[in-house]
Amino acid sequence: DRTDFGNMLVDLCLRLKPAATFVDAVVSMEGDGPSGGAPKHTGYTFCSQNPFVLDVLLASFMALSPEDVPTIKNAVRRGLCPPNGEQVSVVGDEVIPQPFQRPHGKAVDFLDYIPKSLRPAVKKAANRWLIPKPVILERSCVGCGKCAESCPAKTIQVAERKAKIDYNRCIKCYCCHEMCPVKAIRIRRFRLFGL
């Protein structure tokens, strides 16, 4: 669940208490990174003592709505940062928003498109059939195993030089898609809602 995962990341950051957070965005990446993305020269470096404020600024820089980022949404709810980049004071060069190409797996929670009152009734079917899922393109797969190595749920096996996903255990994190060096994994999306 995106919300629970975002909450966990905020908890982890609060536990670790970084003294400062640096982001090297001189050359950024857009699209399906890291292996399937495209470099984007942006020419910035960022630093903040408050990592949550920095996330809000970065979301604004990337022309993302902070409301669409689970970690920021949770941090705002907890009072750890302002709700948008306009309320962040910046020292140094003006930060000019730059639209970034979004990853194909960006819409991972189909239930965001369902009215809240109906979500419990459709959650099971939505999770099984409608959430985007990674699909291995067998013709392109070289059996290197990078997808299996990167899978946190260990649902991918390589047999006869081809990767196979156990969809009953897949958590749809898309790490396999991001790490495939030959771009042999795509995200199959439910088109009705633009996923």
N, C-alpha and C. Protein backbone atom coordinates (compact mmCIF):
# COMPACT_ATOMS: atom_id res chain seq x y z
N ASP A 1 0.85 -1.18 0.00
CA ASP A 1 0.00 0.00 0.00
C ASP A 1 0.89 1.24 0.00
N ARG A 2 0.65 2.13 -0.94
CA ARG A 2 1.48 3.33 -1.08
C ARG A 2 1.47 4.18 0.18
N THR A 3 0.31 4.33 0.80
CA THR A 3 0.22 5.18 1.99
C THR A 3 1.03 4.59 3.13
N ASP A 4 0.86 3.28 3.38
CA ASP A 4 1.61 2.63 4.45
C ASP A 4 3.11 2.70 4.20
N PHE A 5 3.51 2.49 2.93
CA PHE A 5 4.93 2.55 2.59
C PHE A 5 5.47 3.96 2.82
N GLY A 6 4.70 4.98 2.41
CA GLY A 6 5.10 6.37 2.65
C GLY A 6 5.24 6.67 4.12
N ASN A 7 4.30 6.17 4.93
CA ASN A 7 4.36 6.37 6.38
C ASN A 7 5.63 5.74 6.96
N MET A 8 5.96 4.53 6.48
CA MET A 8 7.15 3.84 6.97
C MET A 8 8.42 4.63 6.63
N LEU A 9 8.48 5.20 5.42
CA LEU A 9 9.66 5.98 5.04
C LEU A 9 9.81 7.23 5.91
N VAL A 10 8.70 7.88 6.25
CA VAL A 10 8.76 9.04 7.14
C VAL A 10 9.22 8.61 8.53
N ASP A 11 8.68 7.49 9.03
CA ASP A 11 9.12 6.96 10.33
C ASP A 11 10.61 6.67 10.33
N LEU A 12 11.09 6.05 9.26
CA LEU A 12 12.51 5.69 9.15
C LEU A 12 13.39 6.94 9.17
N CYS A 13 12.98 7.96 8.43
CA CYS A 13 13.74 9.21 8.39
C CYS A 13 13.78 9.87 9.77
N LEU A 14 12.64 9.86 10.46
CA LEU A 14 12.59 10.44 11.80
C LEU A 14 13.49 9.66 12.77
N ARG A 15 13.56 8.36 12.58
CA ARG A 15 14.39 7.53 13.44
C ARG A 15 15.89 7.79 13.19
N LEU A 16 16.26 7.93 11.90
CA LEU A 16 17.67 8.12 11.55
C LEU A 16 18.15 9.54 11.81
N LYS A 17 17.25 10.52 11.73
CA LYS A 17 17.55 11.92 12.02
C LYS A 17 18.79 12.43 11.28
N PRO A 18 18.74 12.51 9.95
CA PRO A 18 19.91 13.01 9.22
C PRO A 18 20.20 14.47 9.59
N ALA A 19 21.48 14.81 9.72
CA ALA A 19 21.88 16.18 10.06
C ALA A 19 21.67 17.11 8.88
N ALA A 20 21.88 16.58 7.67
CA ALA A 20 21.68 17.35 6.44
C ALA A 20 21.42 16.36 5.30
N THR A 21 20.66 16.80 4.34
CA THR A 21 20.36 15.98 3.17
C THR A 21 20.78 16.74 1.93
N PHE A 22 21.60 16.11 1.10
CA PHE A 22 22.07 16.70 -0.14
C PHE A 22 21.46 15.97 -1.33
N VAL A 23 21.11 16.71 -2.38
CA VAL A 23 20.61 16.12 -3.61
C VAL A 23 21.42 16.71 -4.77
N ASP A 24 22.11 15.83 -5.48
CA ASP A 24 22.85 16.23 -6.66
C ASP A 24 21.90 16.12 -7.85
N ALA A 25 21.44 17.25 -8.33
CA ALA A 25 20.51 17.27 -9.46
C ALA A 25 21.12 18.02 -10.65
N VAL A 26 22.44 18.03 -10.72
CA VAL A 26 23.08 18.67 -11.87
C VAL A 26 22.64 17.94 -13.13
N VAL A 27 22.75 16.61 -13.09
CA VAL A 27 22.15 15.78 -14.13
C VAL A 27 21.16 14.88 -13.41
N SER A 28 19.90 15.03 -13.72
CA SER A 28 18.84 14.26 -13.09
C SER A 28 18.44 13.12 -14.02
N MET A 29 17.39 12.42 -13.66
CA MET A 29 16.87 11.36 -14.51
C MET A 29 15.36 11.47 -14.54
N GLU A 30 14.81 11.18 -15.69
CA GLU A 30 13.36 11.17 -15.82
C GLU A 30 12.91 9.88 -16.49
N GLY A 31 11.63 9.58 -16.35
CA GLY A 31 11.10 8.35 -16.95
C GLY A 31 11.36 7.15 -16.08
N ASP A 32 11.58 6.01 -16.71
CA ASP A 32 11.69 4.74 -16.01
C ASP A 32 13.12 4.45 -15.58
N GLY A 33 13.60 5.17 -14.58
CA GLY A 33 14.96 4.95 -14.09
C GLY A 33 15.04 3.76 -13.16
N PRO A 34 16.25 3.31 -12.77
CA PRO A 34 17.50 3.91 -13.22
C PRO A 34 17.98 3.43 -14.58
N SER A 35 17.74 2.17 -14.94
CA SER A 35 18.32 1.69 -16.20
C SER A 35 17.51 2.09 -17.42
N GLY A 36 16.22 2.34 -17.25
CA GLY A 36 15.38 2.68 -18.40
C GLY A 36 15.07 4.15 -18.52
N GLY A 37 15.68 4.97 -17.65
CA GLY A 37 15.38 6.40 -17.67
C GLY A 37 16.25 7.15 -18.66
N ALA A 38 16.02 8.45 -18.73
CA ALA A 38 16.79 9.31 -19.62
C ALA A 38 17.42 10.43 -18.80
N PRO A 39 18.71 10.72 -19.01
CA PRO A 39 19.35 11.83 -18.30
C PRO A 39 18.67 13.15 -18.67
N LYS A 40 18.61 14.05 -17.69
CA LYS A 40 18.03 15.38 -17.92
C LYS A 40 18.93 16.38 -17.20
N HIS A 41 19.56 17.27 -17.98
CA HIS A 41 20.43 18.28 -17.37
C HIS A 41 19.55 19.34 -16.71
N THR A 42 19.71 19.47 -15.39
CA THR A 42 18.93 20.46 -14.65
C THR A 42 19.83 21.51 -13.99
N GLY A 43 21.07 21.15 -13.68
CA GLY A 43 22.03 22.14 -13.21
C GLY A 43 21.88 22.61 -11.77
N TYR A 44 21.24 21.82 -10.92
CA TYR A 44 21.03 22.24 -9.53
C TYR A 44 21.67 21.26 -8.55
N THR A 45 22.03 21.77 -7.38
CA THR A 45 22.27 20.95 -6.21
C THR A 45 21.40 21.53 -5.10
N PHE A 46 20.91 20.66 -4.25
CA PHE A 46 20.02 21.07 -3.16
C PHE A 46 20.56 20.54 -1.84
N CYS A 47 20.28 21.25 -0.77
CA CYS A 47 20.66 20.81 0.56
C CYS A 47 19.69 21.41 1.58
N SER A 48 19.37 20.63 2.60
CA SER A 48 18.52 21.13 3.67
C SER A 48 18.77 20.33 4.95
N GLN A 49 18.60 20.99 6.07
CA GLN A 49 18.64 20.28 7.35
C GLN A 49 17.35 19.49 7.56
N ASN A 50 16.28 19.90 6.89
CA ASN A 50 14.99 19.22 7.03
C ASN A 50 14.70 18.45 5.73
N PRO A 51 14.82 17.13 5.76
CA PRO A 51 14.61 16.36 4.53
C PRO A 51 13.19 16.43 3.99
N PHE A 52 12.22 16.68 4.86
CA PHE A 52 10.83 16.75 4.42
C PHE A 52 10.56 18.05 3.66
N VAL A 53 11.14 19.14 4.14
CA VAL A 53 11.04 20.42 3.42
C VAL A 53 11.73 20.29 2.06
N LEU A 54 12.88 19.62 2.05
CA LEU A 54 13.59 19.41 0.79
C LEU A 54 12.73 18.61 -0.19
N ASP A 55 12.03 17.58 0.28
CA ASP A 55 11.14 16.81 -0.59
C ASP A 55 10.04 17.68 -1.20
N VAL A 56 9.49 18.57 -0.40
CA VAL A 56 8.45 19.48 -0.91
C VAL A 56 9.02 20.36 -2.02
N LEU A 57 10.20 20.91 -1.79
CA LEU A 57 10.84 21.76 -2.80
C LEU A 57 11.14 20.96 -4.07
N LEU A 58 11.64 19.73 -3.91
CA LEU A 58 11.95 18.90 -5.08
C LEU A 58 10.69 18.53 -5.86
N ALA A 59 9.60 18.26 -5.16
CA ALA A 59 8.34 17.97 -5.86
C ALA A 59 7.92 19.17 -6.69
N SER A 60 8.03 20.36 -6.13
CA SER A 60 7.68 21.57 -6.88
C SER A 60 8.63 21.76 -8.06
N PHE A 61 9.92 21.50 -7.84
CA PHE A 61 10.92 21.61 -8.91
C PHE A 61 10.58 20.68 -10.06
N MET A 62 10.08 19.49 -9.76
CA MET A 62 9.75 18.50 -10.79
C MET A 62 8.33 18.67 -11.32
N ALA A 63 7.64 19.74 -10.90
CA ALA A 63 6.25 20.01 -11.31
C ALA A 63 5.33 18.88 -10.88
N LEU A 64 5.60 18.31 -9.71
CA LEU A 64 4.73 17.30 -9.11
C LEU A 64 3.88 17.96 -8.04
N SER A 65 2.68 17.51 -7.87
CA SER A 65 1.87 17.97 -6.76
C SER A 65 2.33 17.24 -5.50
N PRO A 66 2.74 17.96 -4.45
CA PRO A 66 3.15 17.27 -3.22
C PRO A 66 2.08 16.31 -2.70
N GLU A 67 0.83 16.60 -2.98
CA GLU A 67 -0.29 15.75 -2.55
C GLU A 67 -0.21 14.37 -3.19
N ASP A 68 0.48 14.24 -4.33
CA ASP A 68 0.61 12.96 -5.03
C ASP A 68 1.78 12.12 -4.54
N VAL A 69 2.58 12.65 -3.62
CA VAL A 69 3.75 11.93 -3.11
C VAL A 69 3.44 11.46 -1.69
N PRO A 70 3.31 10.14 -1.48
CA PRO A 70 2.88 9.63 -0.17
C PRO A 70 3.74 10.08 1.01
N THR A 71 5.05 10.18 0.83
CA THR A 71 5.90 10.61 1.95
C THR A 71 5.63 12.06 2.31
N ILE A 72 5.47 12.91 1.31
CA ILE A 72 5.20 14.32 1.57
C ILE A 72 3.82 14.48 2.20
N LYS A 73 2.85 13.78 1.66
CA LYS A 73 1.48 13.86 2.20
C LYS A 73 1.48 13.51 3.69
N ASN A 74 2.22 12.45 4.04
CA ASN A 74 2.29 12.03 5.43
C ASN A 74 3.04 13.04 6.28
N ALA A 75 4.16 13.57 5.75
CA ALA A 75 4.94 14.55 6.50
C ALA A 75 4.15 15.84 6.73
N VAL A 76 3.37 16.26 5.74
CA VAL A 76 2.51 17.45 5.91
C VAL A 76 1.48 17.20 7.01
N ARG A 77 0.87 16.02 6.98
CA ARG A 77 -0.14 15.67 7.99
C ARG A 77 0.45 15.70 9.39
N ARG A 78 1.71 15.32 9.52
CA ARG A 78 2.38 15.31 10.82
C ARG A 78 2.96 16.67 11.20
N GLY A 79 2.86 17.66 10.31
CA GLY A 79 3.38 18.99 10.60
C GLY A 79 4.89 19.10 10.46
N LEU A 80 5.49 18.22 9.66
CA LEU A 80 6.94 18.22 9.49
C LEU A 80 7.42 19.14 8.37
N CYS A 81 6.48 19.60 7.52
CA CYS A 81 6.86 20.46 6.40
C CYS A 81 5.62 21.19 5.89
N PRO A 82 5.83 22.26 5.12
CA PRO A 82 4.69 22.97 4.53
C PRO A 82 4.08 22.15 3.40
N PRO A 83 2.84 22.46 3.02
CA PRO A 83 2.17 21.65 1.99
C PRO A 83 2.61 21.91 0.55
N ASN A 84 3.37 22.98 0.30
CA ASN A 84 3.81 23.23 -1.08
C ASN A 84 5.11 24.01 -1.10
N GLY A 85 5.76 23.97 -2.26
CA GLY A 85 7.06 24.59 -2.42
C GLY A 85 7.06 26.10 -2.32
N GLU A 86 5.91 26.72 -2.52
CA GLU A 86 5.84 28.19 -2.44
C GLU A 86 6.10 28.68 -1.02
N GLN A 87 5.94 27.81 -0.04
CA GLN A 87 6.16 28.18 1.36
C GLN A 87 7.57 27.82 1.85
N VAL A 88 8.43 27.38 0.94
CA VAL A 88 9.81 27.03 1.30
C VAL A 88 10.72 28.18 0.93
N SER A 89 11.48 28.67 1.90
CA SER A 89 12.43 29.74 1.58
C SER A 89 13.72 29.11 1.06
N VAL A 90 14.25 29.71 -0.02
CA VAL A 90 15.43 29.17 -0.70
C VAL A 90 16.55 30.18 -0.63
N VAL A 91 17.74 29.71 -0.28
CA VAL A 91 18.95 30.53 -0.29
C VAL A 91 19.74 30.12 -1.53
N GLY A 92 20.09 31.07 -2.37
CA GLY A 92 20.82 30.74 -3.58
C GLY A 92 20.00 31.06 -4.81
N ASP A 93 20.28 30.36 -5.89
CA ASP A 93 19.59 30.61 -7.15
C ASP A 93 18.11 30.31 -7.05
N GLU A 94 17.33 31.03 -7.83
CA GLU A 94 15.90 30.75 -7.91
C GLU A 94 15.70 29.35 -8.50
N VAL A 95 14.78 28.59 -7.89
CA VAL A 95 14.49 27.25 -8.37
C VAL A 95 13.34 27.34 -9.36
N ILE A 96 13.65 27.03 -10.61
CA ILE A 96 12.65 27.12 -11.68
C ILE A 96 12.08 25.73 -11.94
N PRO A 97 10.77 25.54 -11.75
CA PRO A 97 10.18 24.21 -11.98
C PRO A 97 10.43 23.71 -13.39
N GLN A 98 10.71 22.42 -13.50
CA GLN A 98 10.97 21.78 -14.78
C GLN A 98 10.13 20.51 -14.84
N PRO A 99 9.24 20.41 -15.80
CA PRO A 99 8.43 19.18 -15.88
C PRO A 99 9.30 17.98 -16.22
N PHE A 100 9.10 16.89 -15.50
CA PHE A 100 9.82 15.65 -15.73
C PHE A 100 8.89 14.61 -16.32
N GLN A 101 9.43 13.79 -17.23
CA GLN A 101 8.65 12.66 -17.74
C GLN A 101 8.45 11.69 -16.59
N ARG A 102 7.22 11.26 -16.38
CA ARG A 102 6.90 10.37 -15.27
C ARG A 102 7.19 8.92 -15.63
N PRO A 103 7.51 8.09 -14.64
CA PRO A 103 7.69 6.67 -14.92
C PRO A 103 6.36 6.01 -15.26
N HIS A 104 6.42 4.96 -16.07
CA HIS A 104 5.19 4.26 -16.44
C HIS A 104 4.49 3.65 -15.24
N GLY A 105 5.23 3.27 -14.24
CA GLY A 105 4.63 2.65 -13.06
C GLY A 105 4.16 3.63 -12.02
N LYS A 106 4.03 4.91 -12.37
CA LYS A 106 3.73 5.94 -11.37
C LYS A 106 2.39 5.76 -10.68
N ALA A 107 1.38 5.30 -11.38
CA ALA A 107 0.06 5.15 -10.76
C ALA A 107 -0.08 3.73 -10.27
N VAL A 108 0.34 3.49 -9.02
CA VAL A 108 0.34 2.13 -8.52
C VAL A 108 -0.89 1.78 -7.71
N ASP A 109 -1.69 2.73 -7.38
CA ASP A 109 -2.85 2.45 -6.56
C ASP A 109 -4.13 2.77 -7.32
N PHE A 110 -4.73 1.74 -7.91
CA PHE A 110 -5.97 1.90 -8.67
C PHE A 110 -7.06 2.53 -7.81
N LEU A 111 -7.06 2.24 -6.52
CA LEU A 111 -8.13 2.72 -5.64
C LEU A 111 -8.17 4.24 -5.53
N ASP A 112 -7.11 4.92 -5.92
CA ASP A 112 -7.13 6.39 -5.93
C ASP A 112 -8.23 6.92 -6.86
N TYR A 113 -8.64 6.10 -7.82
CA TYR A 113 -9.64 6.51 -8.80
C TYR A 113 -11.06 6.12 -8.41
N ILE A 114 -11.21 5.48 -7.27
CA ILE A 114 -12.52 5.00 -6.81
C ILE A 114 -12.98 5.85 -5.64
N PRO A 115 -14.27 6.22 -5.59
CA PRO A 115 -14.76 6.96 -4.42
C PRO A 115 -14.47 6.19 -3.12
N LYS A 116 -14.11 6.92 -2.07
CA LYS A 116 -13.70 6.28 -0.81
C LYS A 116 -14.75 5.31 -0.28
N SER A 117 -16.02 5.62 -0.45
CA SER A 117 -17.06 4.75 0.09
C SER A 117 -17.11 3.39 -0.60
N LEU A 118 -16.60 3.31 -1.84
CA LEU A 118 -16.64 2.05 -2.59
C LEU A 118 -15.34 1.26 -2.52
N ARG A 119 -14.29 1.84 -1.96
CA ARG A 119 -12.97 1.20 -1.99
C ARG A 119 -12.93 -0.17 -1.33
N PRO A 120 -13.51 -0.36 -0.14
CA PRO A 120 -13.43 -1.70 0.46
C PRO A 120 -14.03 -2.79 -0.43
N ALA A 121 -15.11 -2.47 -1.13
CA ALA A 121 -15.78 -3.48 -1.94
C ALA A 121 -14.98 -3.88 -3.17
N VAL A 122 -14.17 -2.97 -3.69
CA VAL A 122 -13.44 -3.27 -4.93
C VAL A 122 -11.94 -3.53 -4.72
N LYS A 123 -11.47 -3.41 -3.47
CA LYS A 123 -10.04 -3.50 -3.23
C LYS A 123 -9.45 -4.84 -3.69
N LYS A 124 -10.08 -5.95 -3.34
CA LYS A 124 -9.51 -7.25 -3.69
C LYS A 124 -9.42 -7.44 -5.20
N ALA A 125 -10.51 -7.13 -5.91
CA ALA A 125 -10.50 -7.28 -7.38
C ALA A 125 -9.52 -6.30 -8.01
N ALA A 126 -9.47 -5.09 -7.47
CA ALA A 126 -8.56 -4.09 -8.03
C ALA A 126 -7.11 -4.53 -7.87
N ASN A 127 -6.78 -5.05 -6.69
CA ASN A 127 -5.41 -5.49 -6.46
C ASN A 127 -5.01 -6.62 -7.39
N ARG A 128 -5.94 -7.50 -7.69
CA ARG A 128 -5.61 -8.65 -8.53
C ARG A 128 -5.59 -8.31 -10.02
N TRP A 129 -6.54 -7.50 -10.49
CA TRP A 129 -6.72 -7.34 -11.93
C TRP A 129 -6.38 -5.96 -12.49
N LEU A 130 -6.47 -4.90 -11.69
CA LEU A 130 -6.42 -3.57 -12.27
C LEU A 130 -5.17 -2.75 -11.96
N ILE A 131 -4.41 -3.14 -10.95
CA ILE A 131 -3.20 -2.41 -10.65
C ILE A 131 -2.13 -2.74 -11.70
N PRO A 132 -1.40 -1.75 -12.18
CA PRO A 132 -0.34 -2.04 -13.16
C PRO A 132 0.62 -3.11 -12.63
N LYS A 133 1.10 -3.97 -13.52
CA LYS A 133 2.01 -5.03 -13.10
C LYS A 133 3.16 -5.15 -14.09
N PRO A 134 4.31 -5.63 -13.59
CA PRO A 134 5.44 -5.82 -14.49
C PRO A 134 5.24 -7.07 -15.35
N VAL A 135 5.61 -6.96 -16.61
CA VAL A 135 5.50 -8.09 -17.55
C VAL A 135 6.84 -8.26 -18.24
N ILE A 136 7.34 -9.48 -18.25
CA ILE A 136 8.63 -9.77 -18.88
C ILE A 136 8.44 -10.03 -20.36
N LEU A 137 9.18 -9.33 -21.18
CA LEU A 137 9.17 -9.54 -22.62
C LEU A 137 10.18 -10.64 -22.92
N GLU A 138 9.68 -11.86 -23.08
CA GLU A 138 10.58 -13.01 -23.20
C GLU A 138 11.58 -12.90 -24.34
N ARG A 139 11.19 -12.33 -25.44
CA ARG A 139 12.10 -12.19 -26.58
C ARG A 139 13.30 -11.31 -26.24
N SER A 140 13.07 -10.33 -25.36
CA SER A 140 14.15 -9.39 -25.01
C SER A 140 14.96 -9.85 -23.80
N CYS A 141 14.39 -10.71 -22.97
CA CYS A 141 15.05 -11.14 -21.74
C CYS A 141 16.29 -11.95 -22.07
N VAL A 142 17.43 -11.58 -21.42
CA VAL A 142 18.68 -12.30 -21.65
C VAL A 142 19.04 -13.20 -20.46
N GLY A 143 18.16 -13.24 -19.46
CA GLY A 143 18.39 -14.12 -18.32
C GLY A 143 19.51 -13.69 -17.40
N CYS A 144 19.81 -12.41 -17.33
CA CYS A 144 20.93 -11.92 -16.51
C CYS A 144 20.65 -12.01 -15.01
N GLY A 145 19.37 -12.00 -14.63
CA GLY A 145 19.01 -12.12 -13.23
C GLY A 145 18.98 -10.84 -12.43
N LYS A 146 19.23 -9.68 -13.08
CA LYS A 146 19.19 -8.40 -12.36
C LYS A 146 17.81 -8.15 -11.75
N CYS A 147 16.76 -8.57 -12.44
CA CYS A 147 15.41 -8.39 -11.92
C CYS A 147 15.21 -9.21 -10.65
N ALA A 148 15.67 -10.44 -10.66
CA ALA A 148 15.54 -11.31 -9.49
C ALA A 148 16.35 -10.77 -8.32
N GLU A 149 17.54 -10.25 -8.60
CA GLU A 149 18.38 -9.67 -7.54
C GLU A 149 17.71 -8.46 -6.89
N SER A 150 17.01 -7.66 -7.68
CA SER A 150 16.43 -6.42 -7.17
C SER A 150 15.04 -6.61 -6.56
N CYS A 151 14.45 -7.78 -6.71
CA CYS A 151 13.07 -8.01 -6.23
C CYS A 151 13.05 -8.20 -4.72
N PRO A 152 12.48 -7.23 -3.96
CA PRO A 152 12.48 -7.36 -2.51
C PRO A 152 11.61 -8.51 -2.01
N ALA A 153 10.59 -8.89 -2.77
CA ALA A 153 9.70 -9.98 -2.35
C ALA A 153 10.20 -11.34 -2.84
N LYS A 154 11.29 -11.35 -3.60
CA LYS A 154 11.89 -12.60 -4.13
C LYS A 154 10.86 -13.43 -4.90
N THR A 155 10.15 -12.77 -5.80
CA THR A 155 9.11 -13.45 -6.59
C THR A 155 9.57 -13.80 -7.99
N ILE A 156 10.81 -13.49 -8.33
CA ILE A 156 11.30 -13.72 -9.70
C ILE A 156 12.35 -14.82 -9.70
N GLN A 157 12.19 -15.76 -10.59
CA GLN A 157 13.15 -16.84 -10.79
C GLN A 157 13.62 -16.81 -12.24
N VAL A 158 14.87 -17.16 -12.47
CA VAL A 158 15.39 -17.27 -13.83
C VAL A 158 15.59 -18.75 -14.13
N ALA A 159 14.92 -19.22 -15.17
CA ALA A 159 15.03 -20.61 -15.60
C ALA A 159 15.18 -20.63 -17.12
N GLU A 160 16.10 -21.43 -17.60
CA GLU A 160 16.35 -21.54 -19.03
C GLU A 160 16.59 -20.17 -19.67
N ARG A 161 17.36 -19.34 -18.94
CA ARG A 161 17.76 -18.00 -19.40
C ARG A 161 16.59 -17.05 -19.63
N LYS A 162 15.47 -17.29 -18.93
CA LYS A 162 14.33 -16.38 -18.99
C LYS A 162 13.80 -16.15 -17.57
N ALA A 163 13.46 -14.91 -17.27
CA ALA A 163 12.90 -14.58 -15.96
C ALA A 163 11.41 -14.87 -15.94
N LYS A 164 10.92 -15.30 -14.78
CA LYS A 164 9.49 -15.58 -14.58
C LYS A 164 9.07 -14.92 -13.27
N ILE A 165 7.91 -14.28 -13.28
CA ILE A 165 7.39 -13.60 -12.09
C ILE A 165 6.24 -14.42 -11.50
N ASP A 166 6.28 -14.65 -10.19
CA ASP A 166 5.17 -15.28 -9.48
C ASP A 166 4.22 -14.15 -9.07
N TYR A 167 3.16 -13.95 -9.83
CA TYR A 167 2.25 -12.82 -9.59
C TYR A 167 1.45 -12.97 -8.31
N ASN A 168 1.36 -14.16 -7.76
CA ASN A 168 0.65 -14.34 -6.49
C ASN A 168 1.41 -13.69 -5.34
N ARG A 169 2.71 -13.50 -5.51
CA ARG A 169 3.53 -12.91 -4.45
C ARG A 169 4.09 -11.54 -4.83
N CYS A 170 3.91 -11.11 -6.07
CA CYS A 170 4.44 -9.83 -6.54
C CYS A 170 3.80 -8.67 -5.78
N ILE A 171 4.63 -7.76 -5.27
CA ILE A 171 4.11 -6.60 -4.52
C ILE A 171 4.00 -5.35 -5.40
N LYS A 172 4.31 -5.49 -6.68
CA LYS A 172 4.19 -4.41 -7.66
C LYS A 172 4.97 -3.16 -7.25
N CYS A 173 6.23 -3.40 -6.89
CA CYS A 173 7.12 -2.29 -6.54
C CYS A 173 7.86 -1.76 -7.76
N TYR A 174 7.90 -2.56 -8.84
CA TYR A 174 8.51 -2.21 -10.12
C TYR A 174 10.04 -2.10 -10.08
N CYS A 175 10.65 -2.63 -9.03
CA CYS A 175 12.13 -2.64 -8.98
C CYS A 175 12.69 -3.39 -10.18
N CYS A 176 12.05 -4.50 -10.55
CA CYS A 176 12.54 -5.29 -11.69
C CYS A 176 12.53 -4.45 -12.97
N HIS A 177 11.48 -3.72 -13.16
CA HIS A 177 11.34 -2.86 -14.34
C HIS A 177 12.44 -1.80 -14.36
N GLU A 178 12.70 -1.21 -13.20
CA GLU A 178 13.69 -0.15 -13.11
C GLU A 178 15.11 -0.67 -13.31
N MET A 179 15.38 -1.90 -12.89
CA MET A 179 16.75 -2.40 -12.89
C MET A 179 17.13 -3.21 -14.12
N CYS A 180 16.18 -3.56 -14.96
CA CYS A 180 16.49 -4.40 -16.12
C CYS A 180 17.42 -3.65 -17.08
N PRO A 181 18.63 -4.18 -17.33
CA PRO A 181 19.58 -3.46 -18.19
C PRO A 181 19.23 -3.50 -19.67
N VAL A 182 18.35 -4.43 -20.09
CA VAL A 182 18.01 -4.52 -21.52
C VAL A 182 16.56 -4.10 -21.79
N LYS A 183 15.92 -3.51 -20.78
CA LYS A 183 14.54 -3.00 -20.91
C LYS A 183 13.59 -4.10 -21.38
N ALA A 184 13.73 -5.30 -20.77
CA ALA A 184 12.90 -6.44 -21.15
C ALA A 184 11.67 -6.58 -20.26
N ILE A 185 11.43 -5.58 -19.40
CA ILE A 185 10.25 -5.62 -18.53
C ILE A 185 9.47 -4.33 -18.75
N ARG A 186 8.21 -4.49 -19.04
CA ARG A 186 7.35 -3.30 -19.20
C ARG A 186 6.24 -3.37 -18.16
N ILE A 187 5.56 -2.25 -17.99
CA ILE A 187 4.45 -2.19 -17.04
C ILE A 187 3.16 -2.30 -17.83
N ARG A 188 2.39 -3.34 -17.53
CA ARG A 188 1.08 -3.49 -18.17
C ARG A 188 0.08 -2.73 -17.32
N ARG A 189 -0.60 -1.78 -17.96
CA ARG A 189 -1.51 -0.90 -17.23
C ARG A 189 -2.94 -1.06 -17.70
N PHE A 190 -3.86 -0.77 -16.79
CA PHE A 190 -5.29 -0.77 -17.11
C PHE A 190 -5.62 0.57 -17.76
N ARG A 191 -5.97 0.58 -19.01
CA ARG A 191 -6.06 1.80 -19.79
C ARG A 191 -7.27 2.68 -19.49
N LEU A 192 -8.35 2.13 -18.98
CA LEU A 192 -9.59 2.90 -18.80
C LEU A 192 -9.36 4.16 -17.98
N PHE A 193 -8.51 4.05 -16.92
CA PHE A 193 -8.28 5.18 -16.04
C PHE A 193 -6.94 5.86 -16.32
N GLY A 194 -6.34 5.54 -17.46
CA GLY A 194 -5.08 6.16 -17.83
C GLY A 194 -3.90 5.67 -17.05
N LEU A 195 -4.01 4.47 -16.48
CA LEU A 195 -2.90 3.92 -15.67
C LEU A 195 -1.82 3.35 -16.56
